[in-house]
Amino acid sequence: MPDAIAIINSLFKTIPYQIFLAKKEAYYHSLIHLVFTYLGQFIESEVSVADGRIDAVVKTPDFVYIIEFKLDKSAQEAIVQIQEKGCAERFGNEERKLIALGINFSSETKSVKNWEALELFKYKYKKSA
């Protein structure tokens, strides 16, 4: 993940300040979405669940990343939100590891200020006989 964050920060630095919408979390979110899409990596944004939405979900062969973005807050706050909302429950029968990924952007530096990843408990549902 550190390499991905370094690439994201490098790409952010190529955006002229006149068009960088530094105070909008959705702007950072859309840039991340475009980067993953451009790289051919599956990403789904604004994933609806029964009691809200997940900012983004990225699926790789081994992992499902449940991502929450924050602007001028903390990555820890994003992780807590993922846990409190029970976002992993949507992936109860998923065989891949579930990772909560909190990414906090800084509007001052126009970069990822901090990030945190946490493996989530798998919710397994059993079919009744």
Protein backbone atom coordinates (compact mmCIF):
# COMPACT_ATOMS: atom_id res chain seq x y z
CA MET A 1 0.00 0.00 0.00
CA PRO A 2 2.83 2.50 0.63
CA ASP A 3 3.77 2.31 -3.06
CA ALA A 4 0.18 3.01 -4.13
CA ILE A 5 0.00 6.03 -1.80
CA ALA A 6 3.29 7.35 -3.20
CA ILE A 7 1.92 7.04 -6.75
CA ILE A 8 -1.29 8.83 -5.78
CA ASN A 9 0.62 11.68 -4.14
CA SER A 10 2.90 11.95 -7.16
CA LEU A 11 -0.09 12.17 -9.50
CA PHE A 12 -1.75 14.82 -7.31
CA LYS A 13 1.38 16.96 -7.66
CA THR A 14 0.94 17.03 -11.44
CA ILE A 15 -2.42 18.82 -11.17
CA PRO A 16 -2.14 22.61 -11.59
CA TYR A 17 -3.31 24.46 -8.49
CA GLN A 18 -5.82 26.48 -10.54
CA ILE A 19 -7.93 23.39 -11.18
CA PHE A 20 -7.24 21.45 -7.97
CA LEU A 21 -10.42 21.46 -5.84
CA ALA A 22 -8.57 21.04 -2.57
CA LYS A 23 -11.56 21.55 -0.26
CA LYS A 24 -13.77 18.85 -1.79
CA GLU A 25 -13.46 15.23 -0.59
CA ALA A 26 -15.36 14.09 -3.68
CA TYR A 27 -12.61 15.56 -5.89
CA TYR A 28 -9.95 13.36 -4.27
CA HIS A 29 -12.33 10.41 -4.40
CA SER A 30 -12.94 10.87 -8.13
CA LEU A 31 -9.20 11.10 -8.82
CA ILE A 32 -8.60 7.84 -6.95
CA HIS A 33 -11.43 6.23 -8.91
CA LEU A 34 -9.90 7.34 -12.20
CA VAL A 35 -6.40 6.14 -11.24
CA PHE A 36 -7.60 2.64 -10.35
CA THR A 37 -9.77 2.46 -13.48
CA TYR A 38 -6.90 3.62 -15.68
CA LEU A 39 -4.65 0.95 -14.17
CA GLY A 40 -7.22 -1.71 -15.02
CA GLN A 41 -8.02 -2.43 -11.38
CA PHE A 42 -11.62 -3.06 -10.37
CA ILE A 43 -13.03 -0.20 -8.30
CA GLU A 44 -16.62 0.56 -7.44
CA SER A 45 -17.49 3.90 -5.86
CA GLU A 46 -20.45 4.94 -3.72
CA VAL A 47 -21.45 1.34 -3.00
CA SER A 48 -24.94 1.29 -1.50
CA VAL A 49 -25.64 -0.81 1.55
CA ALA A 50 -28.78 -1.11 3.68
CA ASP A 51 -27.86 1.75 6.00
CA GLY A 52 -25.70 4.04 3.87
CA ARG A 53 -22.84 3.71 1.45
CA ILE A 54 -19.21 2.68 1.22
CA ASP A 55 -16.97 5.28 -0.45
CA ALA A 56 -15.16 2.69 -2.57
CA VAL A 57 -14.48 -1.02 -2.91
CA VAL A 58 -11.40 -2.35 -4.68
CA LYS A 59 -11.16 -6.06 -5.46
CA THR A 60 -7.92 -7.89 -6.20
CA PRO A 61 -7.38 -11.64 -6.54
CA ASP A 62 -6.55 -11.92 -2.81
CA PHE A 63 -8.22 -8.95 -1.12
CA VAL A 64 -11.34 -6.83 -0.97
CA TYR A 65 -10.53 -3.31 0.21
CA ILE A 66 -13.37 -1.39 1.82
CA ILE A 67 -12.29 2.23 1.56
CA GLU A 68 -13.45 5.31 3.43
CA PHE A 69 -12.07 8.72 2.46
CA LYS A 70 -11.71 11.69 4.80
CA LEU A 71 -10.59 15.25 4.17
CA ASP A 72 -8.67 17.08 6.89
CA LYS A 73 -9.64 14.52 9.52
CA SER A 74 -7.82 11.22 10.19
CA ALA A 75 -7.38 7.79 8.68
CA GLN A 76 -8.28 6.33 12.08
CA GLU A 77 -11.64 8.12 11.93
CA ALA A 78 -12.28 6.48 8.56
CA ILE A 79 -11.45 3.01 9.94
CA VAL A 80 -13.78 3.54 12.90
CA GLN A 81 -16.58 4.53 10.52
CA ILE A 82 -16.10 1.34 8.47
CA GLN A 83 -16.22 -0.76 11.64
CA GLU A 84 -19.17 1.03 13.23
CA LYS A 85 -21.28 0.83 10.08
CA GLY A 86 -20.53 -2.91 9.73
CA CYS A 87 -19.44 -2.50 6.11
CA ALA A 88 -17.81 -5.94 6.08
CA GLU A 89 -21.20 -7.60 6.51
CA ARG A 90 -21.98 -6.96 2.84
CA PHE A 91 -19.11 -9.31 1.98
CA GLY A 92 -20.14 -12.14 4.33
CA ASN A 93 -19.52 -14.95 1.87
CA GLU A 94 -16.39 -13.47 0.33
CA GLU A 95 -13.41 -15.84 0.31
CA ARG A 96 -10.83 -13.07 -0.04
CA LYS A 97 -9.41 -11.20 2.94
CA LEU A 98 -11.38 -8.07 3.84
CA ILE A 99 -9.30 -4.98 4.49
CA ALA A 100 -10.64 -1.70 5.85
CA LEU A 101 -8.64 1.13 4.31
CA GLY A 102 -8.93 4.64 5.69
CA ILE A 103 -7.38 7.39 3.60
CA ASN A 104 -7.18 10.97 4.86
CA PHE A 105 -6.38 13.77 2.44
CA SER A 106 -4.90 17.15 3.38
CA SER A 107 -6.42 20.15 1.63
CA GLU A 108 -3.35 22.15 2.66
CA THR A 109 -0.73 19.88 1.06
CA LYS A 110 -3.09 18.41 -1.55
CA SER A 111 -1.92 14.90 -0.75
CA VAL A 112 -2.64 11.80 1.29
CA LYS A 113 -1.80 12.96 4.80
CA ASN A 114 -2.20 9.54 6.40
CA TRP A 115 -3.72 6.15 5.77
CA GLU A 116 -4.45 3.05 7.80
CA ALA A 117 -5.32 -0.52 6.88
CA LEU A 118 -6.95 -3.10 9.12
CA GLU A 119 -7.98 -6.68 8.37
CA LEU A 120 -11.66 -7.11 9.15
CA PHE A 121 -13.51 -9.97 10.76
CA LYS A 122 -15.32 -12.14 8.22
CA TYR A 123 -19.02 -12.45 8.67
CA LYS A 124 -19.92 -15.97 7.56
CA TYR A 125 -23.53 -16.82 6.92
CA LYS A 126 -24.64 -20.43 7.05
CA LYS A 127 -27.54 -21.73 5.03
CA SER A 128 -30.21 -23.34 7.14
CA ALA A 129 -30.93 -26.99 6.42
